[in-house]
Amino acid sequence: MRPGSLYSATKWAVTGLAQSIRAECVGTGVRVTLVQPGLVDTGGIPPERSHDATLDPADIARAVLYAVSQPTTVDVNEILIRPVGQDSYR
């Protein structure tokens, strides 16, 4: 088993949940955006990852503001945002 595989499975579950909610909301005007950030420097990073590349919380805030500032005719389905240098499997 790879480290973090349970965590990865839960991220896939959230993706499926967002897709289901989006499908249920078709025609209602409700838009669903899934934001999947990489490692964010929130002060809760475990010591073994303290040297990994991180995002600033403001990076995530800008991504969310982008999604919610789109016209009502646009549905930003998903935003995957990672820091430069983050391994793709983490």
N, C-alpha and C. Protein backbone atom coordinates (compact mmCIF):
# COMPACT_ATOMS: atom_id res chain seq x y z
N MET A 1 0.84 -1.17 0.00
CA MET A 1 0.00 0.00 0.00
C MET A 1 0.89 1.24 0.00
N ARG A 2 0.54 2.21 -0.83
CA ARG A 2 1.28 3.47 -0.88
C ARG A 2 0.88 4.37 0.28
N PRO A 3 1.82 5.13 0.79
CA PRO A 3 1.47 6.08 1.83
C PRO A 3 0.41 7.06 1.31
N GLY A 4 -0.57 7.34 2.12
CA GLY A 4 -1.60 8.29 1.73
C GLY A 4 -2.69 7.74 0.84
N SER A 5 -2.70 6.42 0.61
CA SER A 5 -3.69 5.88 -0.33
C SER A 5 -5.12 6.01 0.19
N LEU A 6 -5.33 5.90 1.51
CA LEU A 6 -6.67 6.11 2.05
C LEU A 6 -7.10 7.55 1.84
N TYR A 7 -6.20 8.47 2.06
CA TYR A 7 -6.48 9.89 1.84
C TYR A 7 -6.84 10.12 0.38
N SER A 8 -6.08 9.51 -0.53
CA SER A 8 -6.36 9.66 -1.96
C SER A 8 -7.74 9.11 -2.30
N ALA A 9 -8.10 7.99 -1.70
CA ALA A 9 -9.42 7.40 -1.95
C ALA A 9 -10.52 8.34 -1.49
N THR A 10 -10.33 9.02 -0.38
CA THR A 10 -11.36 9.95 0.09
C THR A 10 -11.48 11.15 -0.85
N LYS A 11 -10.36 11.58 -1.44
CA LYS A 11 -10.43 12.68 -2.41
C LYS A 11 -11.24 12.25 -3.64
N TRP A 12 -11.07 11.01 -4.08
CA TRP A 12 -11.87 10.50 -5.20
C TRP A 12 -13.35 10.45 -4.81
N ALA A 13 -13.63 10.09 -3.59
CA ALA A 13 -15.02 10.05 -3.13
C ALA A 13 -15.65 11.44 -3.16
N VAL A 14 -14.90 12.44 -2.74
CA VAL A 14 -15.41 13.81 -2.76
C VAL A 14 -15.65 14.26 -4.20
N THR A 15 -14.79 13.85 -5.11
CA THR A 15 -14.98 14.17 -6.53
C THR A 15 -16.30 13.58 -7.03
N GLY A 16 -16.56 12.33 -6.70
CA GLY A 16 -17.81 11.69 -7.10
C GLY A 16 -19.01 12.37 -6.49
N LEU A 17 -18.90 12.76 -5.23
CA LEU A 17 -19.99 13.45 -4.55
C LEU A 17 -20.29 14.78 -5.24
N ALA A 18 -19.25 15.53 -5.57
CA ALA A 18 -19.45 16.81 -6.26
C ALA A 18 -20.12 16.60 -7.61
N GLN A 19 -19.71 15.58 -8.35
CA GLN A 19 -20.33 15.31 -9.64
C GLN A 19 -21.81 14.94 -9.47
N SER A 20 -22.12 14.18 -8.45
CA SER A 20 -23.51 13.81 -8.20
C SER A 20 -24.36 15.03 -7.83
N ILE A 21 -23.83 15.88 -6.97
CA ILE A 21 -24.55 17.09 -6.58
C ILE A 21 -24.77 17.97 -7.81
N ARG A 22 -23.71 18.11 -8.62
CA ARG A 22 -23.83 18.92 -9.84
C ARG A 22 -24.95 18.37 -10.73
N ALA A 23 -25.01 17.05 -10.91
CA ALA A 23 -26.04 16.43 -11.75
C ALA A 23 -27.44 16.67 -11.17
N GLU A 24 -27.57 16.61 -9.86
CA GLU A 24 -28.87 16.84 -9.22
C GLU A 24 -29.33 18.28 -9.34
N CYS A 25 -28.39 19.20 -9.52
CA CYS A 25 -28.70 20.62 -9.55
C CYS A 25 -28.91 21.17 -10.96
N VAL A 26 -28.78 20.34 -11.97
CA VAL A 26 -28.97 20.82 -13.35
C VAL A 26 -30.34 21.49 -13.47
N GLY A 27 -30.32 22.68 -14.06
CA GLY A 27 -31.56 23.41 -14.28
C GLY A 27 -32.01 24.27 -13.11
N THR A 28 -31.30 24.23 -12.00
CA THR A 28 -31.70 25.00 -10.82
C THR A 28 -30.96 26.33 -10.70
N GLY A 29 -29.89 26.49 -11.44
CA GLY A 29 -29.06 27.68 -11.31
C GLY A 29 -27.95 27.52 -10.29
N VAL A 30 -27.98 26.41 -9.56
CA VAL A 30 -26.93 26.14 -8.56
C VAL A 30 -25.69 25.63 -9.30
N ARG A 31 -24.55 26.21 -8.98
CA ARG A 31 -23.29 25.79 -9.58
C ARG A 31 -22.44 25.11 -8.50
N VAL A 32 -21.72 24.09 -8.90
CA VAL A 32 -20.90 23.31 -7.97
C VAL A 32 -19.46 23.35 -8.45
N THR A 33 -18.57 23.79 -7.59
CA THR A 33 -17.14 23.82 -7.90
C THR A 33 -16.39 23.04 -6.84
N LEU A 34 -15.60 22.10 -7.29
CA LEU A 34 -14.74 21.32 -6.39
C LEU A 34 -13.34 21.93 -6.43
N VAL A 35 -12.85 22.37 -5.28
CA VAL A 35 -11.51 22.93 -5.18
C VAL A 35 -10.63 21.89 -4.50
N GLN A 36 -9.59 21.46 -5.19
CA GLN A 36 -8.69 20.44 -4.66
C GLN A 36 -7.29 21.03 -4.54
N PRO A 37 -6.97 21.57 -3.39
CA PRO A 37 -5.64 22.15 -3.22
C PRO A 37 -4.60 21.09 -2.88
N GLY A 38 -3.38 21.40 -3.26
CA GLY A 38 -2.25 20.60 -2.80
C GLY A 38 -1.93 21.00 -1.37
N LEU A 39 -0.70 20.80 -0.97
CA LEU A 39 -0.29 21.08 0.40
C LEU A 39 -0.32 22.59 0.66
N VAL A 40 -1.12 23.00 1.64
CA VAL A 40 -1.27 24.42 1.97
C VAL A 40 -0.62 24.69 3.32
N ASP A 41 0.15 25.77 3.38
CA ASP A 41 0.84 26.14 4.62
C ASP A 41 -0.15 26.74 5.61
N THR A 42 -0.79 25.86 6.37
CA THR A 42 -1.79 26.29 7.35
C THR A 42 -1.30 26.17 8.78
N GLY A 43 -0.07 25.78 8.96
CA GLY A 43 0.47 25.59 10.29
C GLY A 43 0.24 24.19 10.83
N GLY A 44 -0.44 23.36 10.08
CA GLY A 44 -0.72 22.00 10.54
C GLY A 44 0.01 20.93 9.73
N ILE A 45 1.08 21.31 9.08
CA ILE A 45 1.84 20.36 8.25
C ILE A 45 2.66 19.46 9.15
N PRO A 46 2.56 18.14 8.95
CA PRO A 46 3.34 17.23 9.80
C PRO A 46 4.84 17.41 9.57
N PRO A 47 5.65 17.14 10.59
CA PRO A 47 7.10 17.37 10.49
C PRO A 47 7.75 16.67 9.29
N GLU A 48 7.27 15.48 8.94
CA GLU A 48 7.88 14.76 7.82
C GLU A 48 7.62 15.43 6.46
N ARG A 49 6.70 16.39 6.42
CA ARG A 49 6.41 17.11 5.17
C ARG A 49 6.81 18.57 5.26
N SER A 50 7.54 18.95 6.30
CA SER A 50 7.85 20.36 6.54
C SER A 50 8.73 20.98 5.45
N HIS A 51 9.43 20.16 4.67
CA HIS A 51 10.30 20.68 3.61
C HIS A 51 9.65 20.58 2.24
N ASP A 52 8.42 20.08 2.17
CA ASP A 52 7.70 19.99 0.90
C ASP A 52 7.25 21.37 0.43
N ALA A 53 7.11 21.52 -0.87
CA ALA A 53 6.59 22.76 -1.43
C ALA A 53 5.15 22.96 -0.94
N THR A 54 4.80 24.20 -0.64
CA THR A 54 3.45 24.49 -0.13
C THR A 54 2.83 25.67 -0.87
N LEU A 55 1.52 25.74 -0.76
CA LEU A 55 0.77 26.89 -1.24
C LEU A 55 0.48 27.80 -0.07
N ASP A 56 0.33 29.07 -0.35
CA ASP A 56 -0.11 30.02 0.65
C ASP A 56 -1.64 29.98 0.67
N PRO A 57 -2.28 30.12 1.82
CA PRO A 57 -3.74 30.14 1.84
C PRO A 57 -4.35 31.16 0.87
N ALA A 58 -3.65 32.25 0.62
CA ALA A 58 -4.14 33.26 -0.33
C ALA A 58 -4.22 32.70 -1.75
N ASP A 59 -3.36 31.73 -2.07
CA ASP A 59 -3.42 31.09 -3.39
C ASP A 59 -4.77 30.40 -3.58
N ILE A 60 -5.24 29.74 -2.55
CA ILE A 60 -6.52 29.04 -2.61
C ILE A 60 -7.66 30.05 -2.65
N ALA A 61 -7.55 31.11 -1.87
CA ALA A 61 -8.58 32.14 -1.86
C ALA A 61 -8.75 32.75 -3.25
N ARG A 62 -7.64 33.00 -3.96
CA ARG A 62 -7.74 33.56 -5.31
C ARG A 62 -8.44 32.59 -6.26
N ALA A 63 -8.17 31.30 -6.11
CA ALA A 63 -8.82 30.30 -6.96
C ALA A 63 -10.33 30.27 -6.71
N VAL A 64 -10.72 30.35 -5.44
CA VAL A 64 -12.14 30.35 -5.10
C VAL A 64 -12.80 31.62 -5.64
N LEU A 65 -12.15 32.76 -5.46
CA LEU A 65 -12.70 34.01 -5.99
C LEU A 65 -12.86 33.96 -7.50
N TYR A 66 -11.92 33.32 -8.19
CA TYR A 66 -12.05 33.15 -9.64
C TYR A 66 -13.32 32.38 -9.96
N ALA A 67 -13.54 31.27 -9.28
CA ALA A 67 -14.70 30.41 -9.57
C ALA A 67 -16.01 31.15 -9.32
N VAL A 68 -16.11 31.82 -8.19
CA VAL A 68 -17.38 32.47 -7.84
C VAL A 68 -17.62 33.78 -8.59
N SER A 69 -16.59 34.32 -9.24
CA SER A 69 -16.75 35.57 -9.97
C SER A 69 -17.13 35.37 -11.43
N GLN A 70 -17.31 34.12 -11.85
CA GLN A 70 -17.68 33.86 -13.24
C GLN A 70 -19.14 34.22 -13.48
N PRO A 71 -19.46 34.56 -14.74
CA PRO A 71 -20.86 34.87 -15.03
C PRO A 71 -21.76 33.66 -14.76
N THR A 72 -23.04 33.92 -14.60
CA THR A 72 -23.99 32.85 -14.28
C THR A 72 -24.08 31.78 -15.36
N THR A 73 -23.54 32.06 -16.53
CA THR A 73 -23.56 31.08 -17.62
C THR A 73 -22.35 30.14 -17.58
N VAL A 74 -21.47 30.34 -16.61
CA VAL A 74 -20.24 29.55 -16.51
C VAL A 74 -20.25 28.75 -15.21
N ASP A 75 -19.95 27.46 -15.32
CA ASP A 75 -19.83 26.60 -14.14
C ASP A 75 -18.41 26.05 -14.12
N VAL A 76 -17.60 26.54 -13.22
CA VAL A 76 -16.24 26.03 -13.06
C VAL A 76 -16.36 24.74 -12.25
N ASN A 77 -16.24 23.59 -12.91
CA ASN A 77 -16.49 22.32 -12.25
C ASN A 77 -15.43 21.94 -11.24
N GLU A 78 -14.16 22.17 -11.57
CA GLU A 78 -13.10 21.69 -10.70
C GLU A 78 -11.87 22.56 -10.84
N ILE A 79 -11.21 22.81 -9.72
CA ILE A 79 -9.93 23.51 -9.71
C ILE A 79 -8.96 22.64 -8.93
N LEU A 80 -7.93 22.20 -9.60
CA LEU A 80 -6.84 21.44 -8.96
C LEU A 80 -5.65 22.38 -8.92
N ILE A 81 -5.19 22.69 -7.73
CA ILE A 81 -4.11 23.66 -7.58
C ILE A 81 -3.04 23.07 -6.67
N ARG A 82 -1.81 23.04 -7.18
CA ARG A 82 -0.69 22.48 -6.42
C ARG A 82 0.48 23.45 -6.46
N PRO A 83 1.33 23.40 -5.45
CA PRO A 83 2.52 24.24 -5.49
C PRO A 83 3.52 23.69 -6.51
N VAL A 84 4.26 24.57 -7.11
CA VAL A 84 5.32 24.14 -8.03
C VAL A 84 6.27 23.24 -7.26
N GLY A 85 6.55 22.08 -7.81
CA GLY A 85 7.47 21.15 -7.17
C GLY A 85 6.81 20.06 -6.35
N GLN A 86 5.48 20.13 -6.17
CA GLN A 86 4.80 19.06 -5.42
C GLN A 86 4.73 17.81 -6.28
N ASP A 87 5.09 16.68 -5.70
CA ASP A 87 4.98 15.41 -6.41
C ASP A 87 3.54 15.17 -6.80
N SER A 88 3.32 14.62 -7.98
CA SER A 88 1.95 14.41 -8.46
C SER A 88 1.18 13.37 -7.65
N TYR A 89 1.87 12.50 -6.93
CA TYR A 89 1.17 11.47 -6.15
C TYR A 89 0.88 11.90 -4.72
N ARG A 90 1.21 13.12 -4.35
CA ARG A 90 0.98 13.58 -2.97
C ARG A 90 -0.11 14.59 -2.91
